[in-house]
Amino acid sequence: MRRVNHSYEYVGEDGASVNQAESFFSRLWRAEFGVHHRISGQYLYQYAKEMAWREDHRREPTVFIFAA
């Protein structure tokens, strides 16, 4: 695990960045209010797993996603 102090630098000396984590949590937060309307702590793992799948496949055309 690496940390990046954004007040000092945007990307760490070794190339570490938090952009992917920030993007994922932003999408998860938006999904809570837009898609699911409420996320229960009991099922948080399942919601996070779904959002990870969506994050991985977000640039694929819809026709390919549903054809599988």
Protein backbone atom coordinates (compact mmCIF):
# COMPACT_ATOMS: atom_id res chain seq x y z
CA MET A 1 0.00 0.00 0.00
CA ARG A 2 1.27 3.41 -0.95
CA ARG A 3 -0.02 6.84 0.01
CA VAL A 4 0.12 9.99 -2.05
CA ASN A 5 0.07 13.36 -0.33
CA HIS A 6 -1.81 15.47 -2.88
CA SER A 7 -0.75 18.72 -1.24
CA TYR A 8 2.85 17.77 -2.07
CA GLU A 9 2.59 15.70 -5.28
CA TYR A 10 0.04 14.25 -7.67
CA VAL A 11 1.80 10.94 -8.34
CA GLY A 12 4.28 9.30 -6.01
CA GLU A 13 7.96 8.89 -6.88
CA ASP A 14 7.36 5.21 -7.66
CA GLY A 15 4.30 5.95 -9.82
CA ALA A 16 1.77 5.28 -7.07
CA SER A 17 -1.56 7.00 -7.64
CA VAL A 18 -4.97 6.92 -6.00
CA ASN A 19 -6.97 7.73 -9.12
CA GLN A 20 -8.45 4.25 -9.56
CA ALA A 21 -9.50 3.99 -5.92
CA GLU A 22 -11.05 7.46 -5.98
CA SER A 23 -12.89 6.63 -9.21
CA PHE A 24 -14.23 3.37 -7.76
CA PHE A 25 -15.46 4.94 -4.53
CA SER A 26 -17.00 7.82 -6.45
CA ARG A 27 -18.95 5.40 -8.64
CA LEU A 28 -20.00 3.36 -5.60
CA TRP A 29 -21.24 6.50 -3.84
CA ARG A 30 -23.17 7.64 -6.92
CA ALA A 31 -24.68 4.16 -7.36
CA GLU A 32 -26.01 4.29 -3.80
CA PHE A 33 -28.17 7.27 -4.66
CA GLY A 34 -28.80 6.64 -8.35
CA VAL A 35 -29.17 2.90 -8.89
CA HIS A 36 -29.78 1.26 -5.52
CA HIS A 37 -31.20 4.19 -3.48
CA ARG A 38 -29.86 2.58 -0.32
CA ILE A 39 -26.97 0.24 0.44
CA SER A 40 -27.19 -1.95 3.51
CA GLY A 41 -23.98 -2.62 5.42
CA GLN A 42 -24.91 -6.29 5.56
CA TYR A 43 -24.70 -6.55 1.75
CA LEU A 44 -21.97 -3.98 1.13
CA TYR A 45 -19.62 -6.67 -0.21
CA GLN A 46 -22.11 -7.67 -2.91
CA TYR A 47 -22.74 -4.06 -3.91
CA ALA A 48 -18.99 -3.37 -4.07
CA LYS A 49 -18.46 -6.53 -6.12
CA GLU A 50 -21.12 -5.44 -8.62
CA MET A 51 -19.62 -1.97 -8.90
CA ALA A 52 -16.17 -3.49 -9.45
CA TRP A 53 -17.62 -5.53 -12.32
CA ARG A 54 -19.22 -2.41 -13.76
CA GLU A 55 -15.93 -0.53 -13.41
CA ASP A 56 -14.08 -3.30 -15.27
CA HIS A 57 -16.61 -3.44 -18.11
CA ARG A 58 -17.65 0.20 -18.43
CA ARG A 59 -15.93 0.74 -21.78
CA GLU A 60 -17.28 -2.38 -23.47
CA PRO A 61 -20.21 -1.98 -25.84
CA THR A 62 -23.50 -3.06 -24.28
CA VAL A 63 -24.17 -5.56 -27.05
CA PHE A 64 -21.06 -7.54 -26.04
CA ILE A 65 -21.93 -7.48 -22.34
CA PHE A 66 -25.41 -8.94 -22.86
CA ALA A 67 -24.29 -11.44 -25.53
CA ALA A 68 -22.10 -13.33 -23.03
